[in-house]
Amino acid sequence: MGAGVLLQNLGQYDEAEKVLRETLAVCKRVLGVEHTDTLETCNLAGILMDQGRPEEAEKEFNEVLKIQERVLGMTSPQALRTRHNLAAAL
């Protein structure tokens, strides 16, 4: 479990968001936007939902889903999970 998820589970959403944004930026820079590890790190939308920011979460879900469907396929477990989370956010 990563630090961002741990902080999220502890209800420390602001700190969790900060850690995840930093981690995601490094993953994108080092591995690239379409790398599977980067796509697994893209759970920022969940924290945004926990913070009561559904519009921002929806944007994040849509961006990640677009990449997941292109790279992993529309029926990949990751894309299906993101699609489910997006529907729950709406």
N, C-alpha and C. Protein backbone atom coordinates (compact mmCIF):
# COMPACT_ATOMS: atom_id res chain seq x y z
N MET A 1 0.84 -1.17 0.00
CA MET A 1 0.00 0.00 0.00
C MET A 1 0.89 1.24 0.00
N GLY A 2 0.59 2.15 -0.89
CA GLY A 2 1.37 3.36 -0.99
C GLY A 2 1.01 4.37 0.08
N ALA A 3 1.87 5.36 0.26
CA ALA A 3 1.66 6.38 1.28
C ALA A 3 0.37 7.16 1.03
N GLY A 4 0.08 7.46 -0.25
CA GLY A 4 -1.13 8.20 -0.58
C GLY A 4 -2.38 7.45 -0.18
N VAL A 5 -2.41 6.15 -0.42
CA VAL A 5 -3.57 5.33 -0.06
C VAL A 5 -3.68 5.23 1.45
N LEU A 6 -2.57 5.07 2.12
CA LEU A 6 -2.58 5.00 3.58
C LEU A 6 -3.13 6.29 4.17
N LEU A 7 -2.65 7.42 3.66
CA LEU A 7 -3.14 8.71 4.15
C LEU A 7 -4.63 8.88 3.85
N GLN A 8 -5.06 8.41 2.70
CA GLN A 8 -6.48 8.47 2.33
C GLN A 8 -7.30 7.63 3.32
N ASN A 9 -6.83 6.44 3.62
CA ASN A 9 -7.53 5.57 4.56
C ASN A 9 -7.60 6.17 5.96
N LEU A 10 -6.63 6.98 6.30
CA LEU A 10 -6.61 7.65 7.60
C LEU A 10 -7.43 8.94 7.60
N GLY A 11 -7.99 9.28 6.43
CA GLY A 11 -8.81 10.48 6.33
C GLY A 11 -8.00 11.75 6.16
N GLN A 12 -6.72 11.63 5.86
CA GLN A 12 -5.85 12.78 5.66
C GLN A 12 -5.80 13.10 4.16
N TYR A 13 -6.93 13.59 3.65
CA TYR A 13 -7.12 13.72 2.21
C TYR A 13 -6.22 14.76 1.56
N ASP A 14 -6.00 15.88 2.22
CA ASP A 14 -5.15 16.91 1.62
C ASP A 14 -3.72 16.39 1.43
N GLU A 15 -3.20 15.73 2.46
CA GLU A 15 -1.84 15.18 2.38
C GLU A 15 -1.79 14.04 1.36
N ALA A 16 -2.83 13.21 1.34
CA ALA A 16 -2.89 12.11 0.38
C ALA A 16 -2.90 12.64 -1.05
N GLU A 17 -3.67 13.69 -1.27
CA GLU A 17 -3.71 14.29 -2.61
C GLU A 17 -2.33 14.81 -3.01
N LYS A 18 -1.67 15.47 -2.08
CA LYS A 18 -0.32 16.01 -2.37
C LYS A 18 0.64 14.88 -2.74
N VAL A 19 0.65 13.81 -1.95
CA VAL A 19 1.56 12.69 -2.21
C VAL A 19 1.24 12.04 -3.55
N LEU A 20 -0.05 11.83 -3.83
CA LEU A 20 -0.42 11.18 -5.09
C LEU A 20 -0.10 12.05 -6.30
N ARG A 21 -0.32 13.35 -6.18
CA ARG A 21 0.02 14.25 -7.30
C ARG A 21 1.53 14.21 -7.58
N GLU A 22 2.33 14.21 -6.52
CA GLU A 22 3.78 14.15 -6.69
C GLU A 22 4.20 12.82 -7.31
N THR A 23 3.63 11.73 -6.82
CA THR A 23 3.96 10.40 -7.35
C THR A 23 3.54 10.28 -8.80
N LEU A 24 2.36 10.76 -9.11
CA LEU A 24 1.87 10.70 -10.48
C LEU A 24 2.74 11.51 -11.43
N ALA A 25 3.18 12.69 -10.98
CA ALA A 25 4.05 13.52 -11.81
C ALA A 25 5.36 12.81 -12.12
N VAL A 26 5.94 12.14 -11.12
CA VAL A 26 7.19 11.40 -11.33
C VAL A 26 6.96 10.23 -12.28
N CYS A 27 5.88 9.49 -12.06
CA CYS A 27 5.58 8.35 -12.95
C CYS A 27 5.42 8.81 -14.39
N LYS A 28 4.69 9.90 -14.59
CA LYS A 28 4.48 10.40 -15.96
C LYS A 28 5.80 10.83 -16.59
N ARG A 29 6.65 11.49 -15.80
CA ARG A 29 7.92 11.97 -16.33
C ARG A 29 8.89 10.83 -16.62
N VAL A 30 8.97 9.87 -15.72
CA VAL A 30 9.96 8.80 -15.84
C VAL A 30 9.47 7.66 -16.73
N LEU A 31 8.23 7.23 -16.51
CA LEU A 31 7.70 6.06 -17.21
C LEU A 31 6.86 6.41 -18.43
N GLY A 32 6.22 7.57 -18.39
CA GLY A 32 5.34 7.97 -19.47
C GLY A 32 3.88 7.82 -19.05
N VAL A 33 3.02 8.55 -19.72
CA VAL A 33 1.60 8.59 -19.40
C VAL A 33 0.92 7.25 -19.62
N GLU A 34 1.38 6.48 -20.60
CA GLU A 34 0.70 5.24 -20.97
C GLU A 34 1.28 3.99 -20.31
N HIS A 35 2.28 4.14 -19.49
CA HIS A 35 2.88 2.99 -18.81
C HIS A 35 1.88 2.42 -17.81
N THR A 36 1.83 1.10 -17.70
CA THR A 36 0.86 0.47 -16.81
C THR A 36 1.04 0.88 -15.35
N ASP A 37 2.26 1.09 -14.90
CA ASP A 37 2.47 1.54 -13.52
C ASP A 37 1.92 2.94 -13.31
N THR A 38 2.05 3.80 -14.31
CA THR A 38 1.48 5.14 -14.22
C THR A 38 -0.04 5.05 -14.15
N LEU A 39 -0.62 4.19 -14.97
CA LEU A 39 -2.07 4.04 -14.97
C LEU A 39 -2.59 3.49 -13.65
N GLU A 40 -1.81 2.67 -13.00
CA GLU A 40 -2.20 2.14 -11.68
C GLU A 40 -2.10 3.22 -10.60
N THR A 41 -1.25 4.21 -10.82
CA THR A 41 -1.05 5.29 -9.84
C THR A 41 -2.16 6.33 -9.95
N CYS A 42 -2.91 6.29 -11.02
CA CYS A 42 -3.92 7.31 -11.29
C CYS A 42 -5.17 7.13 -10.46
N ASN A 43 -5.05 7.05 -9.16
CA ASN A 43 -6.23 6.93 -8.31
C ASN A 43 -6.53 8.23 -7.58
N LEU A 44 -6.10 9.31 -8.16
CA LEU A 44 -6.32 10.63 -7.59
C LEU A 44 -7.81 10.96 -7.51
N ALA A 45 -8.59 10.47 -8.45
CA ALA A 45 -10.01 10.79 -8.48
C ALA A 45 -10.72 10.32 -7.22
N GLY A 46 -10.32 9.19 -6.67
CA GLY A 46 -10.94 8.70 -5.45
C GLY A 46 -10.76 9.67 -4.29
N ILE A 47 -9.60 10.25 -4.19
CA ILE A 47 -9.34 11.22 -3.13
C ILE A 47 -10.16 12.48 -3.36
N LEU A 48 -10.27 12.89 -4.62
CA LEU A 48 -11.09 14.06 -4.93
C LEU A 48 -12.55 13.82 -4.55
N MET A 49 -13.03 12.60 -4.78
CA MET A 49 -14.39 12.26 -4.36
C MET A 49 -14.52 12.33 -2.84
N ASP A 50 -13.54 11.79 -2.14
CA ASP A 50 -13.57 11.82 -0.67
C ASP A 50 -13.57 13.25 -0.14
N GLN A 51 -13.01 14.16 -0.91
CA GLN A 51 -12.94 15.56 -0.50
C GLN A 51 -14.19 16.34 -0.92
N GLY A 52 -15.15 15.66 -1.56
CA GLY A 52 -16.36 16.35 -2.00
C GLY A 52 -16.13 17.20 -3.22
N ARG A 53 -15.27 16.75 -4.11
CA ARG A 53 -14.94 17.47 -5.34
C ARG A 53 -15.27 16.61 -6.55
N PRO A 54 -16.56 16.29 -6.75
CA PRO A 54 -16.94 15.35 -7.80
C PRO A 54 -16.65 15.82 -9.23
N GLU A 55 -16.72 17.12 -9.48
CA GLU A 55 -16.45 17.60 -10.84
C GLU A 55 -14.99 17.34 -11.22
N GLU A 56 -14.08 17.60 -10.28
CA GLU A 56 -12.66 17.34 -10.53
C GLU A 56 -12.41 15.84 -10.65
N ALA A 57 -13.07 15.06 -9.82
CA ALA A 57 -12.92 13.60 -9.86
C ALA A 57 -13.40 13.07 -11.21
N GLU A 58 -14.53 13.57 -11.67
CA GLU A 58 -15.06 13.12 -12.96
C GLU A 58 -14.06 13.39 -14.09
N LYS A 59 -13.45 14.56 -14.06
CA LYS A 59 -12.45 14.90 -15.07
C LYS A 59 -11.27 13.92 -15.01
N GLU A 60 -10.78 13.64 -13.80
CA GLU A 60 -9.66 12.69 -13.63
C GLU A 60 -10.05 11.30 -14.11
N PHE A 61 -11.24 10.82 -13.71
CA PHE A 61 -11.70 9.51 -14.15
C PHE A 61 -11.74 9.43 -15.67
N ASN A 62 -12.29 10.46 -16.30
CA ASN A 62 -12.41 10.46 -17.77
C ASN A 62 -11.05 10.45 -18.46
N GLU A 63 -10.10 11.22 -17.94
CA GLU A 63 -8.76 11.26 -18.54
C GLU A 63 -8.07 9.90 -18.44
N VAL A 64 -8.16 9.30 -17.26
CA VAL A 64 -7.53 7.99 -17.05
C VAL A 64 -8.21 6.92 -17.90
N LEU A 65 -9.54 6.95 -17.92
CA LEU A 65 -10.29 5.96 -18.68
C LEU A 65 -9.94 6.02 -20.17
N LYS A 66 -9.81 7.19 -20.70
CA LYS A 66 -9.45 7.36 -22.11
C LYS A 66 -8.12 6.67 -22.42
N ILE A 67 -7.14 6.87 -21.56
CA ILE A 67 -5.82 6.26 -21.76
C ILE A 67 -5.90 4.75 -21.54
N GLN A 68 -6.58 4.33 -20.47
CA GLN A 68 -6.70 2.90 -20.20
C GLN A 68 -7.35 2.15 -21.36
N GLU A 69 -8.42 2.70 -21.89
CA GLU A 69 -9.10 2.03 -23.00
C GLU A 69 -8.21 1.95 -24.23
N ARG A 70 -7.44 3.00 -24.48
CA ARG A 70 -6.54 3.00 -25.64
C ARG A 70 -5.39 2.02 -25.45
N VAL A 71 -4.80 2.00 -24.27
CA VAL A 71 -3.60 1.20 -24.02
C VAL A 71 -3.94 -0.23 -23.62
N LEU A 72 -4.90 -0.40 -22.73
CA LEU A 72 -5.19 -1.70 -22.15
C LEU A 72 -6.41 -2.39 -22.77
N GLY A 73 -7.24 -1.61 -23.43
CA GLY A 73 -8.45 -2.15 -24.03
C GLY A 73 -9.68 -1.80 -23.20
N MET A 74 -10.81 -1.72 -23.88
CA MET A 74 -12.06 -1.32 -23.24
C MET A 74 -12.54 -2.31 -22.19
N THR A 75 -12.14 -3.56 -22.33
CA THR A 75 -12.62 -4.58 -21.39
C THR A 75 -11.55 -5.00 -20.38
N SER A 76 -10.48 -4.22 -20.29
CA SER A 76 -9.46 -4.54 -19.29
C SER A 76 -10.03 -4.31 -17.89
N PRO A 77 -9.55 -5.08 -16.92
CA PRO A 77 -10.04 -4.88 -15.55
C PRO A 77 -9.86 -3.45 -15.06
N GLN A 78 -8.76 -2.82 -15.43
CA GLN A 78 -8.50 -1.45 -14.98
C GLN A 78 -9.53 -0.48 -15.57
N ALA A 79 -9.80 -0.61 -16.87
CA ALA A 79 -10.77 0.28 -17.52
C ALA A 79 -12.17 0.03 -16.97
N LEU A 80 -12.51 -1.22 -16.75
CA LEU A 80 -13.83 -1.53 -16.20
C LEU A 80 -13.98 -0.95 -14.79
N ARG A 81 -12.94 -1.05 -13.98
CA ARG A 81 -12.97 -0.49 -12.63
C ARG A 81 -13.11 1.03 -12.68
N THR A 82 -12.37 1.67 -13.57
CA THR A 82 -12.45 3.12 -13.69
C THR A 82 -13.83 3.54 -14.18
N ARG A 83 -14.37 2.80 -15.15
CA ARG A 83 -15.71 3.11 -15.66
C ARG A 83 -16.74 2.98 -14.52
N HIS A 84 -16.62 1.94 -13.72
CA HIS A 84 -17.52 1.75 -12.58
C HIS A 84 -17.39 2.93 -11.60
N ASN A 85 -16.17 3.31 -11.27
CA ASN A 85 -15.95 4.40 -10.34
C ASN A 85 -16.48 5.73 -10.90
N LEU A 86 -16.34 5.91 -12.20
CA LEU A 86 -16.87 7.11 -12.84
C LEU A 86 -18.39 7.15 -12.73
N ALA A 87 -19.03 6.03 -12.99
CA ALA A 87 -20.50 5.98 -12.87
C ALA A 87 -20.94 6.27 -11.44
N ALA A 88 -20.21 5.76 -10.48
CA ALA A 88 -20.56 6.01 -9.08
C ALA A 88 -20.37 7.48 -8.70
N ALA A 89 -19.46 8.15 -9.39
CA ALA A 89 -19.18 9.56 -9.09
C ALA A 89 -20.23 10.49 -9.66
N LEU A 90 -20.95 10.02 -10.66
CA LEU A 90 -21.93 10.90 -11.32
C LEU A 90 -23.23 11.01 -10.59
